[in-house]
N, C-alpha and C. Protein backbone atom coordinates (compact mmCIF):
# COMPACT_ATOMS: atom_id res chain seq x y z
N MET A 1 0.85 -1.17 0.00
CA MET A 1 0.00 0.00 0.00
C MET A 1 0.90 1.24 0.00
N THR A 2 0.57 2.18 -0.85
CA THR A 2 1.37 3.40 -0.94
C THR A 2 0.94 4.40 0.14
N ILE A 3 1.78 5.39 0.35
CA ILE A 3 1.44 6.44 1.32
C ILE A 3 0.18 7.17 0.89
N CYS A 4 0.04 7.40 -0.39
CA CYS A 4 -1.15 8.08 -0.92
C CYS A 4 -2.40 7.26 -0.64
N GLN A 5 -2.31 5.95 -0.77
CA GLN A 5 -3.46 5.08 -0.51
C GLN A 5 -3.81 5.07 0.98
N VAL A 6 -2.79 5.10 1.83
CA VAL A 6 -3.04 5.17 3.28
C VAL A 6 -3.74 6.49 3.61
N ARG A 7 -3.26 7.56 2.99
CA ARG A 7 -3.88 8.87 3.22
C ARG A 7 -5.33 8.88 2.75
N THR A 8 -5.59 8.28 1.60
CA THR A 8 -6.95 8.22 1.07
C THR A 8 -7.86 7.42 2.00
N ALA A 9 -7.38 6.29 2.49
CA ALA A 9 -8.17 5.45 3.39
C ALA A 9 -8.43 6.17 4.71
N THR A 10 -7.42 6.82 5.25
CA THR A 10 -7.57 7.54 6.51
C THR A 10 -8.55 8.69 6.36
N SER A 11 -8.42 9.42 5.28
CA SER A 11 -9.32 10.55 5.03
C SER A 11 -10.76 10.07 4.89
N ALA A 12 -10.95 8.97 4.17
CA ALA A 12 -12.30 8.43 3.99
C ALA A 12 -12.88 7.97 5.33
N LEU A 13 -12.05 7.35 6.15
CA LEU A 13 -12.52 6.90 7.45
C LEU A 13 -12.95 8.08 8.31
N LEU A 14 -12.12 9.11 8.34
CA LEU A 14 -12.46 10.28 9.16
C LEU A 14 -13.70 11.00 8.63
N ASP A 15 -13.85 11.06 7.31
CA ASP A 15 -15.03 11.68 6.72
C ASP A 15 -16.29 10.87 6.99
N ALA A 16 -16.15 9.55 7.07
CA ALA A 16 -17.31 8.67 7.22
C ALA A 16 -17.75 8.49 8.67
N LEU A 17 -16.92 8.86 9.63
CA LEU A 17 -17.27 8.64 11.04
C LEU A 17 -18.61 9.25 11.45
N PRO A 18 -18.93 10.47 11.04
CA PRO A 18 -20.21 11.04 11.49
C PRO A 18 -21.43 10.49 10.74
N LEU A 19 -21.24 9.70 9.70
CA LEU A 19 -22.36 9.18 8.92
C LEU A 19 -23.04 8.02 9.64
N HIS A 20 -24.27 7.73 9.18
CA HIS A 20 -24.97 6.55 9.71
C HIS A 20 -24.21 5.31 9.27
N GLU A 21 -24.40 4.23 9.99
CA GLU A 21 -23.61 3.02 9.76
C GLU A 21 -23.68 2.53 8.32
N GLU A 22 -24.88 2.51 7.74
CA GLU A 22 -25.04 2.01 6.38
C GLU A 22 -24.32 2.92 5.37
N ASP A 23 -24.45 4.23 5.54
CA ASP A 23 -23.77 5.17 4.65
C ASP A 23 -22.25 5.07 4.81
N ARG A 24 -21.81 4.88 6.05
CA ARG A 24 -20.38 4.74 6.32
C ARG A 24 -19.82 3.52 5.60
N LYS A 25 -20.56 2.39 5.69
CA LYS A 25 -20.11 1.17 5.03
C LYS A 25 -20.03 1.36 3.52
N LEU A 26 -21.02 2.04 2.94
CA LEU A 26 -21.01 2.28 1.50
C LEU A 26 -19.83 3.16 1.10
N ARG A 27 -19.60 4.22 1.86
CA ARG A 27 -18.49 5.14 1.55
C ARG A 27 -17.15 4.41 1.64
N LEU A 28 -16.97 3.63 2.70
CA LEU A 28 -15.69 2.93 2.89
C LEU A 28 -15.51 1.82 1.85
N ALA A 29 -16.60 1.16 1.47
CA ALA A 29 -16.50 0.13 0.44
C ALA A 29 -16.10 0.75 -0.90
N LYS A 30 -16.66 1.92 -1.20
CA LYS A 30 -16.32 2.60 -2.45
C LYS A 30 -14.83 2.96 -2.47
N VAL A 31 -14.34 3.52 -1.37
CA VAL A 31 -12.92 3.90 -1.30
C VAL A 31 -12.03 2.67 -1.35
N ALA A 32 -12.45 1.58 -0.69
CA ALA A 32 -11.66 0.34 -0.74
C ALA A 32 -11.57 -0.17 -2.17
N GLY A 33 -12.66 -0.08 -2.93
CA GLY A 33 -12.64 -0.49 -4.33
C GLY A 33 -11.70 0.37 -5.16
N GLU A 34 -11.72 1.68 -4.89
CA GLU A 34 -10.82 2.58 -5.62
C GLU A 34 -9.36 2.27 -5.31
N ILE A 35 -9.08 1.96 -4.05
CA ILE A 35 -7.70 1.62 -3.68
C ILE A 35 -7.28 0.31 -4.34
N GLN A 36 -8.19 -0.66 -4.40
CA GLN A 36 -7.87 -1.92 -5.07
C GLN A 36 -7.59 -1.69 -6.55
N ASP A 37 -8.38 -0.82 -7.18
CA ASP A 37 -8.13 -0.49 -8.59
C ASP A 37 -6.76 0.15 -8.76
N ASP A 38 -6.42 1.07 -7.86
CA ASP A 38 -5.10 1.71 -7.91
C ASP A 38 -3.99 0.67 -7.78
N GLN A 39 -4.16 -0.27 -6.85
CA GLN A 39 -3.14 -1.30 -6.65
C GLN A 39 -3.00 -2.18 -7.88
N ARG A 40 -4.13 -2.51 -8.52
CA ARG A 40 -4.09 -3.31 -9.74
C ARG A 40 -3.35 -2.58 -10.85
N ARG A 41 -3.66 -1.29 -11.01
CA ARG A 41 -2.97 -0.50 -12.05
C ARG A 41 -1.49 -0.36 -11.74
N ASN A 42 -1.15 -0.15 -10.47
CA ASN A 42 0.27 -0.03 -10.09
C ASN A 42 1.02 -1.32 -10.37
N ALA A 43 0.39 -2.46 -10.08
CA ALA A 43 1.04 -3.75 -10.34
C ALA A 43 1.25 -3.95 -11.84
N ALA A 44 0.25 -3.60 -12.65
CA ALA A 44 0.38 -3.74 -14.10
C ALA A 44 1.48 -2.82 -14.62
N ALA A 45 1.55 -1.61 -14.10
CA ALA A 45 2.59 -0.66 -14.53
C ALA A 45 3.97 -1.16 -14.14
N ARG A 46 4.08 -1.76 -12.96
CA ARG A 46 5.37 -2.28 -12.50
C ARG A 46 5.86 -3.39 -13.43
N VAL A 47 4.96 -4.30 -13.81
CA VAL A 47 5.31 -5.40 -14.71
C VAL A 47 5.70 -4.85 -16.08
N SER A 48 4.90 -3.92 -16.58
CA SER A 48 5.17 -3.33 -17.88
C SER A 48 6.52 -2.61 -17.89
N HIS A 49 6.78 -1.85 -16.85
CA HIS A 49 8.05 -1.12 -16.76
C HIS A 49 9.24 -2.08 -16.73
N ALA A 50 9.11 -3.15 -15.95
CA ALA A 50 10.21 -4.12 -15.84
C ALA A 50 10.47 -4.79 -17.19
N LYS A 51 9.39 -5.16 -17.89
CA LYS A 51 9.56 -5.79 -19.20
C LYS A 51 10.22 -4.83 -20.19
N ARG A 52 9.78 -3.58 -20.21
CA ARG A 52 10.35 -2.61 -21.13
C ARG A 52 11.82 -2.36 -20.81
N ARG A 53 12.12 -2.23 -19.52
CA ARG A 53 13.50 -1.96 -19.11
C ARG A 53 14.41 -3.13 -19.49
N ARG A 54 13.95 -4.37 -19.31
CA ARG A 54 14.76 -5.54 -19.69
C ARG A 54 15.01 -5.56 -21.19
N ARG A 55 13.98 -5.20 -21.98
CA ARG A 55 14.16 -5.14 -23.44
C ARG A 55 15.18 -4.08 -23.81
N GLU A 56 15.08 -2.91 -23.17
CA GLU A 56 16.02 -1.82 -23.46
C GLU A 56 17.45 -2.23 -23.10
N LEU A 57 17.61 -2.87 -21.95
CA LEU A 57 18.95 -3.30 -21.54
C LEU A 57 19.48 -4.39 -22.47
N ALA A 58 18.60 -5.32 -22.86
CA ALA A 58 19.03 -6.39 -23.76
C ALA A 58 19.45 -5.81 -25.11
N ALA A 59 18.78 -4.75 -25.54
CA ALA A 59 19.12 -4.13 -26.83
C ALA A 59 20.53 -3.54 -26.82
N ILE A 60 21.02 -3.16 -25.64
CA ILE A 60 22.39 -2.62 -25.58
C ILE A 60 23.38 -3.66 -25.04
N GLY A 61 22.93 -4.91 -24.98
CA GLY A 61 23.84 -6.00 -24.64
C GLY A 61 23.94 -6.34 -23.16
N ILE A 62 23.05 -5.83 -22.35
CA ILE A 62 23.07 -6.15 -20.91
C ILE A 62 21.94 -7.13 -20.64
N HIS A 63 22.30 -8.31 -20.14
CA HIS A 63 21.31 -9.33 -19.82
C HIS A 63 21.23 -9.47 -18.30
N VAL A 64 20.11 -9.03 -17.75
CA VAL A 64 19.95 -8.94 -16.30
C VAL A 64 20.10 -10.31 -15.64
N GLU A 65 19.67 -11.38 -16.32
CA GLU A 65 19.73 -12.72 -15.73
C GLU A 65 21.16 -13.16 -15.45
N THR A 66 22.11 -12.61 -16.20
CA THR A 66 23.50 -13.05 -16.05
C THR A 66 24.30 -12.18 -15.08
N LEU A 67 23.71 -11.09 -14.61
CA LEU A 67 24.43 -10.21 -13.68
C LEU A 67 24.52 -10.86 -12.29
N ARG A 68 25.63 -10.61 -11.62
CA ARG A 68 25.80 -11.12 -10.27
C ARG A 68 24.97 -10.30 -9.31
N CYS A 69 24.53 -10.92 -8.26
CA CYS A 69 23.75 -10.25 -7.22
C CYS A 69 24.68 -9.40 -6.38
N CYS A 70 24.25 -8.19 -6.04
CA CYS A 70 25.11 -7.30 -5.25
C CYS A 70 24.59 -7.14 -3.83
N ILE A 71 23.61 -7.94 -3.44
CA ILE A 71 23.10 -7.88 -2.07
C ILE A 71 24.03 -8.69 -1.18
N PRO A 72 24.59 -8.07 -0.12
CA PRO A 72 25.51 -8.80 0.75
C PRO A 72 24.81 -9.94 1.48
N PRO A 73 25.54 -11.03 1.72
CA PRO A 73 24.92 -12.19 2.41
C PRO A 73 24.55 -11.90 3.84
């Protein structure tokens, strides 16, 4: 979850507190759906970006699969 999504959820919760229970549930469900949509789009963008970047690197002769890992043990 991104900071922006946390902010959106918190804001929606605070806005919905004074509402009746049924209205509060509807408002929070709507915001939860919007956050899920954002997460889906972010995941698709992440995959797309990684694929494009690998193609770009391969085009200049860098193959990510053959690079050594630089994370210390």
